[in-house]
Protein backbone atom coordinates (compact mmCIF):
# COMPACT_ATOMS: atom_id res chain seq x y z
CA MET A 1 13.86 -18.22 17.08
CA PHE A 2 13.01 -15.48 15.45
CA ARG A 3 15.32 -14.76 13.70
CA ALA A 4 15.15 -18.08 12.06
CA LEU A 5 11.23 -17.04 11.87
CA ARG A 6 12.42 -13.78 10.07
CA VAL A 7 15.00 -15.17 7.97
CA PHE A 8 12.63 -16.94 6.80
CA LEU A 9 9.93 -14.66 5.81
CA ILE A 10 12.31 -12.28 4.07
CA THR A 11 13.51 -15.30 1.60
CA ALA A 12 9.57 -16.14 1.32
CA GLN A 13 9.20 -12.59 0.29
CA PHE A 14 12.00 -11.74 -1.67
CA PHE A 15 10.92 -14.88 -3.78
CA LEU A 16 7.39 -14.69 -4.46
CA LEU A 17 8.15 -10.69 -5.31
CA GLY A 18 10.39 -12.83 -7.29
CA THR A 19 8.38 -14.47 -9.70
CA LEU A 20 6.57 -10.89 -10.87
CA SER A 21 6.74 -11.88 -14.07
CA ALA A 22 7.84 -8.24 -16.60
CA SER A 23 4.16 -8.80 -18.50
CA ALA A 24 2.54 -8.45 -14.98
CA GLN A 25 4.54 -5.20 -14.13
CA GLU A 26 4.06 -3.61 -16.97
CA PHE A 27 0.79 -3.81 -16.63
CA GLY A 28 0.66 -1.98 -13.40
CA LYS A 29 2.96 0.33 -14.88
CA ASP A 30 0.39 0.71 -17.83
CA SER A 31 -2.49 1.12 -15.70
CA LEU A 32 -1.35 4.50 -14.27
CA ARG A 33 -1.05 6.41 -16.66
CA GLN A 34 -3.06 9.51 -17.07
CA LEU A 35 -5.50 8.67 -13.84
CA PRO A 36 -6.83 11.88 -12.20
CA PRO A 37 -5.55 12.80 -8.73
CA PHE A 38 -7.94 10.09 -6.82
CA ASP A 39 -8.50 9.79 -2.80
CA VAL A 40 -6.28 7.81 -0.53
CA VAL A 41 -8.40 5.28 1.30
CA ILE A 42 -7.45 2.99 4.76
CA GLU A 43 -8.70 0.12 5.50
CA GLN A 44 -10.17 0.29 8.90
CA PRO A 45 -7.74 -0.66 10.95
CA SER A 46 -8.54 -3.72 13.36
CA SER A 47 -8.07 -3.02 17.72
CA VAL A 48 -4.54 -4.08 17.20
CA SER A 49 -3.51 -1.48 15.14
CA GLU A 50 -5.12 0.90 17.19
CA SER A 51 -3.03 -0.02 19.90
CA LEU A 52 0.02 0.38 18.26
CA GLY A 53 -0.50 4.02 17.33
CA LEU A 54 -2.07 3.02 13.80
CA THR A 55 -5.17 4.83 13.18
CA THR A 56 -6.96 5.08 10.08
CA THR A 57 -6.21 9.41 10.17
CA ASP A 58 -2.20 9.16 10.90
CA LEU A 59 -2.22 6.45 8.17
CA ARG A 60 -4.09 8.21 5.53
CA THR A 61 -2.53 11.99 7.05
CA PHE A 62 1.39 10.26 5.96
CA THR A 63 -0.19 8.68 3.25
CA GLU A 64 -0.56 11.86 1.86
CA LEU A 65 1.63 13.98 2.13
CA ARG A 66 3.97 11.14 1.14
CA LEU A 67 2.28 11.08 -2.48
CA ARG A 68 1.95 14.95 -2.14
CA ARG A 69 5.49 15.65 -1.55
CA ASN A 70 6.51 13.10 -4.34
CA GLY A 71 4.93 15.08 -6.96
CA ILE A 72 1.72 13.26 -6.95
CA ALA A 73 -1.87 15.11 -6.80
CA ILE A 74 -4.92 13.82 -4.78
CA VAL A 75 -8.04 15.17 -4.11
CA PRO A 76 -9.16 15.07 -0.12
CA HIS A 77 -10.85 12.83 1.32
CA THR A 78 -14.17 13.12 1.95
CA PRO A 79 -17.51 10.31 2.39
CA ASP A 80 -18.01 10.58 -1.25
CA SER A 81 -14.73 11.26 -2.64
CA ALA A 82 -15.05 7.79 -4.12
CA GLY A 83 -14.16 8.30 -7.79
CA PRO A 84 -12.76 5.88 -10.82
CA ALA A 85 -9.55 5.43 -8.60
CA TYR A 86 -8.31 5.10 -5.01
CA PHE A 87 -4.92 4.85 -3.53
CA TYR A 88 -5.57 1.90 -1.27
CA VAL A 89 -3.68 1.12 1.94
CA ARG A 90 -3.96 -2.01 4.89
CA VAL A 91 -1.68 -2.44 7.74
CA THR A 92 -2.44 -5.42 9.72
CA PRO A 93 -0.76 -6.44 12.19
CA ILE A 94 -0.43 -10.06 14.57
CA CYS A 95 1.25 -9.18 17.75
CA ARG A 96 2.07 -11.47 20.80
CA PRO A 97 4.33 -10.38 23.31
CA ALA A 98 7.04 -8.60 23.17
CA VAL A 99 6.64 -9.13 19.36
CA CYS A 100 4.64 -7.88 16.55
CA ALA A 101 4.21 -9.42 12.20
CA ILE A 102 2.81 -6.57 10.39
CA THR A 103 1.27 -7.10 6.29
CA THR A 104 1.48 -3.07 5.54
CA GLU A 105 -0.06 -3.21 1.41
CA VAL A 106 -0.93 -0.42 -1.00
CA ALA A 107 -3.22 -1.21 -4.20
CA MET A 108 -4.50 1.37 -6.90
CA VAL A 109 -7.75 0.51 -7.71
CA GLN A 110 -9.47 1.97 -10.23
CA SER A 111 -12.41 1.44 -12.39
CA VAL A 112 -11.64 -1.66 -15.32
CA VAL A 113 -14.29 -2.88 -17.77
CA LEU A 114 -14.72 -6.51 -17.75
CA PRO A 115 -14.20 -8.83 -21.05
CA ASN A 116 -18.37 -8.96 -20.99
CA GLY A 117 -18.68 -4.86 -20.50
CA LYS A 118 -19.60 -4.78 -17.47
CA ARG A 119 -17.50 -1.91 -14.93
CA CYS A 120 -15.88 -2.92 -11.37
CA MET A 121 -13.92 -2.02 -9.55
CA ALA A 122 -10.57 -3.61 -9.43
CA LYS A 123 -6.84 -3.28 -8.23
CA THR A 124 -4.28 -2.54 -11.06
CA TYR A 125 -1.58 -1.96 -8.86
CA ASP A 126 -0.99 -4.20 -6.25
CA ILE A 127 2.85 -4.11 -3.75
CA GLY A 128 3.46 -5.20 -0.45
CA ASN A 129 5.42 -6.13 2.53
CA THR A 130 5.09 -8.45 5.60
CA GLY A 131 8.19 -8.51 8.25
CA LEU A 132 8.62 -8.54 12.12
CA GLU A 133 8.51 -5.73 14.24
CA PRO A 134 9.50 -5.40 18.03
CA MET A 135 6.25 -3.76 19.70
CA VAL A 136 7.40 -1.13 20.93
CA THR A 137 8.93 0.03 17.50
CA ALA A 138 6.21 -0.99 16.01
CA LYS A 139 4.16 2.30 14.88
CA ARG A 140 7.91 3.99 13.18
CA GLY A 141 8.70 0.54 11.24
CA THR A 142 4.43 0.65 10.16
CA MET A 143 5.19 4.40 9.36
CA GLU A 144 8.71 3.40 7.46
CA THR A 145 7.73 0.44 5.67
CA LEU A 146 4.09 2.09 4.46
CA GLY A 147 6.36 5.24 3.76
CA ASP A 148 8.89 2.88 0.89
CA LEU A 149 5.53 1.37 -0.16
CA VAL A 150 4.18 4.76 -1.53
CA ASP A 151 7.59 5.99 -2.87
CA ARG A 152 7.95 3.18 -5.07
CA PHE A 153 4.36 3.11 -6.58
CA SER A 154 5.34 6.94 -6.69
CA ASN A 155 8.83 6.05 -8.59
CA LEU A 156 6.17 4.27 -11.42
CA TYR A 157 3.70 6.27 -11.19
CA LEU A 158 5.85 9.56 -12.35
CA GLU A 159 7.54 6.98 -14.96
CA VAL A 160 4.42 7.14 -17.06
CA ASN A 161 3.62 10.16 -16.17
CA PRO A 162 5.99 12.59 -16.39
CA LYS A 163 5.49 16.41 -15.16
């Protein structure tokens, strides 16, 4: 049963990710050009996340180290550090005995100007993954997925911001 569900989720994800248009991909890439150093913001993990060992501190430290290792400048996180752009991370597990379905999302959120001239914060880059993990390896699997998503973002960011 779990194998069939996993195959279904992977197939659905493949088709959903494959439908992103070339123009949407170009906009996402273009929106990363010449960003100032940004902060990392972690959505407050649920009690389920924390029971799996996925704490705000662990997620932030892992993400910041991965971005820096990839050559991306970030500003240290403080309660007042949210500037015109920030890197957003959200991890949402739903667990049943022995298995968890975990959605991991990373996004670039930045100040944009609407056609009416007003400013607002909006996601200009967003990528995620949903997968099944045995409960005993949920933290390791989630961190691997988060690392992959941060690396994909980093590759695109460095493509439009060469050193």
